[in-house]
Amino acid sequence: MADLDPQTRIELEAAAFRGLVAHLQKRTDVQNIDLMNLAGFCRNCLSKWLAAAAKERGVAFSDDDAREAVYGMPYSEWKAKHQSPASAEQQRLFEESKPLHADISGHNAR
């Protein structure tokens, strides 16, 4: 990536982000808490990063707009259709892995 011109790099990164979002929109069976437990980020993190990037650039893009862009529908609709209650084991793993979860700037939240 270091050899690419900045615009090409941005375009490739944007395409990869769009691919990740499309994949997560298809995989509604994968719960956010499982993503957090395994990878330290989830759909909500992606939407927060998107909203933060817009804010840094002075672009009007609300948290709700960002969530809808990531989820492919209003967040409340996605939750009603696809989110199941977290099990005790999922909650335990979530608490154990909290120090490894990404914050909205993309750095470890420690």
C-alpha atoms as a PDB file:
ATOM      1  CA  MET A   1       0.000   0.000   0.000  1.00  0.00           C
ATOM      2  CA  ALA A   2       2.932   2.325   0.608  1.00  0.00           C
ATOM      3  CA  ASP A   3       3.669   2.455  -3.132  1.00  0.00           C
ATOM      4  CA  LEU A   4       0.163   3.572  -4.076  1.00  0.00           C
ATOM      5  CA  ASP A   5      -0.782   7.145  -4.724  1.00  0.00           C
ATOM      6  CA  PRO A   6      -2.998   8.573  -1.962  1.00  0.00           C
ATOM      7  CA  GLN A   7      -6.195   8.653  -4.035  1.00  0.00           C
ATOM      8  CA  THR A   8      -5.866   5.018  -5.119  1.00  0.00           C
ATOM      9  CA  ARG A   9      -5.195   3.990  -1.513  1.00  0.00           C
ATOM     10  CA  ILE A  10      -8.318   5.849  -0.354  1.00  0.00           C
ATOM     11  CA  GLU A  11     -10.400   4.225  -3.090  1.00  0.00           C
ATOM     12  CA  LEU A  12      -9.153   0.743  -2.194  1.00  0.00           C
ATOM     13  CA  GLU A  13      -9.786   1.312   1.521  1.00  0.00           C
ATOM     14  CA  ALA A  14     -13.268   2.643   0.778  1.00  0.00           C
ATOM     15  CA  ALA A  15     -14.035  -0.405  -1.363  1.00  0.00           C
ATOM     16  CA  ALA A  16     -12.849  -2.703   1.426  1.00  0.00           C
ATOM     17  CA  PHE A  17     -15.057  -0.834   3.925  1.00  0.00           C
ATOM     18  CA  ARG A  18     -18.060  -1.139   1.605  1.00  0.00           C
ATOM     19  CA  GLY A  19     -17.346  -4.848   1.242  1.00  0.00           C
ATOM     20  CA  LEU A  20     -17.176  -5.314   5.017  1.00  0.00           C
ATOM     21  CA  VAL A  21     -20.434  -3.423   5.521  1.00  0.00           C
ATOM     22  CA  ALA A  22     -22.178  -5.444   2.786  1.00  0.00           C
ATOM     23  CA  HIS A  23     -20.924  -8.670   4.343  1.00  0.00           C
ATOM     24  CA  LEU A  24     -22.163  -7.682   7.805  1.00  0.00           C
ATOM     25  CA  GLN A  25     -25.541  -6.665   6.369  1.00  0.00           C
ATOM     26  CA  LYS A  26     -25.906 -10.157   4.885  1.00  0.00           C
ATOM     27  CA  ARG A  27     -24.738 -11.924   8.051  1.00  0.00           C
ATOM     28  CA  THR A  28     -27.625 -10.911  10.292  1.00  0.00           C
ATOM     29  CA  ASP A  29     -27.110 -14.207  12.132  1.00  0.00           C
ATOM     30  CA  VAL A  30     -23.881 -12.828  13.603  1.00  0.00           C
ATOM     31  CA  GLN A  31     -24.651 -10.907  16.777  1.00  0.00           C
ATOM     32  CA  ASN A  32     -22.783  -7.710  17.653  1.00  0.00           C
ATOM     33  CA  ILE A  33     -21.773  -9.105  21.037  1.00  0.00           C
ATOM     34  CA  ASP A  34     -20.099 -12.060  19.304  1.00  0.00           C
ATOM     35  CA  LEU A  35     -18.210  -9.677  17.022  1.00  0.00           C
ATOM     36  CA  MET A  36     -17.117  -7.671  20.065  1.00  0.00           C
ATOM     37  CA  ASN A  37     -16.032 -10.788  21.931  1.00  0.00           C
ATOM     38  CA  LEU A  38     -14.042 -12.176  19.009  1.00  0.00           C
ATOM     39  CA  ALA A  39     -12.775  -9.090  17.198  1.00  0.00           C
ATOM     40  CA  GLY A  40     -13.151  -6.206  19.638  1.00  0.00           C
ATOM     41  CA  PHE A  41     -15.469  -4.239  17.327  1.00  0.00           C
ATOM     42  CA  CYS A  42     -18.981  -4.543  15.925  1.00  0.00           C
ATOM     43  CA  ARG A  43     -21.446  -2.827  13.626  1.00  0.00           C
ATOM     44  CA  ASN A  44     -21.979  -0.082  16.191  1.00  0.00           C
ATOM     45  CA  CYS A  45     -18.239   0.602  16.252  1.00  0.00           C
ATOM     46  CA  LEU A  46     -18.177   0.910  12.467  1.00  0.00           C
ATOM     47  CA  SER A  47     -21.068   3.354  12.566  1.00  0.00           C
ATOM     48  CA  LYS A  48     -19.341   5.409  15.275  1.00  0.00           C
ATOM     49  CA  TRP A  49     -16.126   5.514  13.237  1.00  0.00           C
ATOM     50  CA  LEU A  50     -18.112   6.626  10.191  1.00  0.00           C
ATOM     51  CA  ALA A  51     -19.904   9.376  12.133  1.00  0.00           C
ATOM     52  CA  ALA A  52     -16.615  10.514  13.704  1.00  0.00           C
ATOM     53  CA  ALA A  53     -14.935  10.707  10.289  1.00  0.00           C
ATOM     54  CA  ALA A  54     -17.808  12.816   8.984  1.00  0.00           C
ATOM     55  CA  LYS A  55     -17.626  15.130  11.998  1.00  0.00           C
ATOM     56  CA  GLU A  56     -13.846  15.552  11.595  1.00  0.00           C
ATOM     57  CA  ARG A  57     -14.499  16.733   8.036  1.00  0.00           C
ATOM     58  CA  GLY A  58     -17.397  19.010   8.921  1.00  0.00           C
ATOM     59  CA  VAL A  59     -19.934  16.773   7.168  1.00  0.00           C
ATOM     60  CA  ALA A  60     -23.447  16.681   8.599  1.00  0.00           C
ATOM     61  CA  PHE A  61     -23.970  12.969   9.258  1.00  0.00           C
ATOM     62  CA  SER A  62     -25.784  11.967  12.424  1.00  0.00           C
ATOM     63  CA  ASP A  63     -25.202   8.856  14.507  1.00  0.00           C
ATOM     64  CA  ASP A  64     -28.543   7.556  13.207  1.00  0.00           C
ATOM     65  CA  ASP A  65     -27.440   8.202   9.604  1.00  0.00           C
ATOM     66  CA  ALA A  66     -24.218   6.301  10.251  1.00  0.00           C
ATOM     67  CA  ARG A  67     -26.016   3.371  11.853  1.00  0.00           C
ATOM     68  CA  GLU A  68     -28.432   3.135   8.949  1.00  0.00           C
ATOM     69  CA  ALA A  69     -25.499   3.196   6.507  1.00  0.00           C
ATOM     70  CA  VAL A  70     -23.842   0.287   8.349  1.00  0.00           C
ATOM     71  CA  TYR A  71     -26.937  -1.741   9.223  1.00  0.00           C
ATOM     72  CA  GLY A  72     -28.719  -1.156   5.899  1.00  0.00           C
ATOM     73  CA  MET A  73     -31.884  -0.132   7.759  1.00  0.00           C
ATOM     74  CA  PRO A  74     -32.805   1.917  10.815  1.00  0.00           C
ATOM     75  CA  TYR A  75     -31.050   0.536  13.880  1.00  0.00           C
ATOM     76  CA  SER A  76     -34.310  -0.020  15.763  1.00  0.00           C
ATOM     77  CA  GLU A  77     -35.602  -2.138  12.864  1.00  0.00           C
ATOM     78  CA  TRP A  78     -32.401  -4.212  12.743  1.00  0.00           C
ATOM     79  CA  LYS A  79     -32.554  -4.822  16.494  1.00  0.00           C
ATOM     80  CA  ALA A  80     -36.190  -5.923  16.318  1.00  0.00           C
ATOM     81  CA  LYS A  81     -35.547  -8.266  13.384  1.00  0.00           C
ATOM     82  CA  HIS A  82     -32.122  -9.689  14.154  1.00  0.00           C
ATOM     83  CA  GLN A  83     -30.820  -9.046  17.660  1.00  0.00           C
ATOM     84  CA  SER A  84     -31.319 -11.736  20.261  1.00  0.00           C
ATOM     85  CA  PRO A  85     -30.741 -11.372  23.999  1.00  0.00           C
ATOM     86  CA  ALA A  86     -27.148 -12.002  25.062  1.00  0.00           C
ATOM     87  CA  SER A  87     -26.530 -15.209  26.950  1.00  0.00           C
ATOM     88  CA  ALA A  88     -24.776 -15.257  30.296  1.00  0.00           C
ATOM     89  CA  GLU A  89     -21.696 -16.687  28.549  1.00  0.00           C
ATOM     90  CA  GLN A  90     -21.702 -13.922  25.906  1.00  0.00           C
ATOM     91  CA  GLN A  91     -21.976 -11.301  28.660  1.00  0.00           C
ATOM     92  CA  ARG A  92     -19.132 -12.922  30.638  1.00  0.00           C
ATOM     93  CA  LEU A  93     -16.860 -12.960  27.576  1.00  0.00           C
ATOM     94  CA  PHE A  94     -17.811  -9.364  26.799  1.00  0.00           C
ATOM     95  CA  GLU A  95     -16.780  -8.221  30.288  1.00  0.00           C
ATOM     96  CA  GLU A  96     -13.511 -10.185  30.105  1.00  0.00           C
ATOM     97  CA  SER A  97     -12.586  -8.771  26.710  1.00  0.00           C
ATOM     98  CA  LYS A  98     -13.542  -5.135  27.385  1.00  0.00           C
ATOM     99  CA  PRO A  99      -9.915  -3.927  27.576  1.00  0.00           C
ATOM    100  CA  LEU A 100      -9.396  -5.179  24.011  1.00  0.00           C
ATOM    101  CA  HIS A 101     -12.393  -3.427  22.460  1.00  0.00           C
ATOM    102  CA  ALA A 102     -11.667  -0.697  19.946  1.00  0.00           C
ATOM    103  CA  ASP A 103     -12.691   2.847  20.735  1.00  0.00           C
ATOM    104  CA  ILE A 104     -14.135   5.177  18.097  1.00  0.00           C
ATOM    105  CA  SER A 105     -10.707   6.425  17.082  1.00  0.00           C
ATOM    106  CA  GLY A 106      -9.651   2.887  16.189  1.00  0.00           C
ATOM    107  CA  HIS A 107      -7.226   2.533  19.075  1.00  0.00           C
ATOM    108  CA  ASN A 108      -7.503   0.120  21.949  1.00  0.00           C
ATOM    109  CA  ALA A 109      -9.762   1.294  24.735  1.00  0.00           C
ATOM    110  CA  ARG A 110      -7.588   0.723  27.795  1.00  0.00           C
END
